[in-house]
C-alpha cells in the first residue's frame, strides 16, 4: 500500500473520529450545565450570528 492510499484512508477516518469526539464533549457539557446557562447561550445565538454575518467581507 503506498503512502497516498494510506493517507486517503486515514484522514477521513481521523476527521470522523474528531467529529464524534467534539460531539460527545458538547453533549456532555450541555448535560452538565445548569438550565439557566443553556437558556442564556441559546438566547445569545441570534445576536452572535448577526454579528458574524455583518462582519463577513
C-alpha atoms as a PDB file:
ATOM      1  CA  UNK A   1       0.000   0.000   0.000  1.00  0.00           C
ATOM      2  CA  UNK A   2       1.527   3.307  -0.990  1.00  0.00           C
ATOM      3  CA  UNK A   3       1.537   6.402   1.201  1.00  0.00           C
ATOM      4  CA  UNK A   4      -1.091   8.291  -0.798  1.00  0.00           C
ATOM      5  CA  UNK A   5      -3.639   5.498  -0.433  1.00  0.00           C
ATOM      6  CA  UNK A   6      -2.860   5.234   3.273  1.00  0.00           C
ATOM      7  CA  UNK A   7      -3.276   8.987   3.668  1.00  0.00           C
ATOM      8  CA  UNK A   8      -6.553   8.923   1.742  1.00  0.00           C
ATOM      9  CA  UNK A   9      -7.823   6.264   4.140  1.00  0.00           C
ATOM     10  CA  UNK A  10      -6.550   7.687   7.431  1.00  0.00           C
ATOM     11  CA  UNK A  11      -7.565  11.352   7.004  1.00  0.00           C
ATOM     12  CA  UNK A  12     -11.335  10.767   6.582  1.00  0.00           C
ATOM     13  CA  UNK A  13     -11.324   8.313   9.484  1.00  0.00           C
ATOM     14  CA  UNK A  14      -9.463  10.822  11.655  1.00  0.00           C
ATOM     15  CA  UNK A  15     -11.969  13.552  10.742  1.00  0.00           C
ATOM     16  CA  UNK A  16     -14.904  11.295  11.634  1.00  0.00           C
ATOM     17  CA  UNK A  17     -13.319  10.387  14.978  1.00  0.00           C
ATOM     18  CA  UNK A  18     -12.611  14.060  15.718  1.00  0.00           C
ATOM     19  CA  UNK A  19     -16.212  15.000  14.894  1.00  0.00           C
ATOM     20  CA  UNK A  20     -17.552  12.241  17.151  1.00  0.00           C
ATOM     21  CA  UNK A  21     -15.263  13.350  19.996  1.00  0.00           C
ATOM     22  CA  UNK A  22     -16.312  17.001  19.640  1.00  0.00           C
ATOM     23  CA  UNK A  23     -19.983  15.999  19.551  1.00  0.00           C
ATOM     24  CA  UNK A  24     -19.564  13.878  22.672  1.00  0.00           C
ATOM     25  CA  UNK A  25     -17.839  16.698  24.545  1.00  0.00           C
ATOM     26  CA  UNK A  26     -20.585  19.154  23.573  1.00  0.00           C
ATOM     27  CA  UNK A  27     -23.380  16.786  24.621  1.00  0.00           C
ATOM     28  CA  UNK A  28     -21.700  16.103  27.975  1.00  0.00           C
ATOM     29  CA  UNK A  29     -21.192  19.836  28.541  1.00  0.00           C
ATOM     30  CA  UNK A  30     -24.857  20.538  27.783  1.00  0.00           C
ATOM     31  CA  UNK A  31     -25.983  17.751  30.126  1.00  0.00           C
ATOM     32  CA  UNK A  32     -23.809  19.043  32.975  1.00  0.00           C
ATOM     33  CA  UNK A  33     -24.683  22.712  32.522  1.00  0.00           C
ATOM     34  CA  UNK A  34     -27.351  24.443  34.533  1.00  0.00           C
ATOM     35  CA  UNK A  35     -30.598  25.091  32.712  1.00  0.00           C
ATOM     36  CA  UNK A  36     -30.195  28.864  33.046  1.00  0.00           C
ATOM     37  CA  UNK A  37     -26.788  28.729  31.342  1.00  0.00           C
ATOM     38  CA  UNK A  38     -28.176  26.823  28.380  1.00  0.00           C
ATOM     39  CA  UNK A  39     -31.070  29.260  28.005  1.00  0.00           C
ATOM     40  CA  UNK A  40     -28.682  32.225  28.154  1.00  0.00           C
ATOM     41  CA  UNK A  41     -26.476  30.737  25.440  1.00  0.00           C
ATOM     42  CA  UNK A  42     -29.441  29.959  23.200  1.00  0.00           C
ATOM     43  CA  UNK A  43     -30.778  33.499  23.623  1.00  0.00           C
ATOM     44  CA  UNK A  44     -27.375  34.939  22.679  1.00  0.00           C
ATOM     45  CA  UNK A  45     -27.017  32.867  19.479  1.00  0.00           C
ATOM     46  CA  UNK A  46     -29.102  35.103  17.152  1.00  0.00           C
ATOM     47  CA  UNK A  47     -27.044  38.153  18.136  1.00  0.00           C
ATOM     48  CA  UNK A  48     -23.815  36.251  17.589  1.00  0.00           C
ATOM     49  CA  UNK A  49     -24.914  35.026  14.167  1.00  0.00           C
ATOM     50  CA  UNK A  50     -25.997  38.557  13.193  1.00  0.00           C
ATOM     51  CA  UNK A  51     -22.630  39.964  14.276  1.00  0.00           C
ATOM     52  CA  UNK A  52     -20.736  37.336  12.314  1.00  0.00           C
ATOM     53  CA  UNK A  53     -22.835  37.957   9.199  1.00  0.00           C
ATOM     54  CA  UNK A  54     -22.266  41.721   9.420  1.00  0.00           C
ATOM     55  CA  UNK A  55     -18.549  41.169   9.741  1.00  0.00           C
ATOM     56  CA  UNK A  56     -18.352  38.900   6.690  1.00  0.00           C
ATOM     57  CA  UNK A  57     -16.175  40.550   3.990  1.00  0.00           C
END
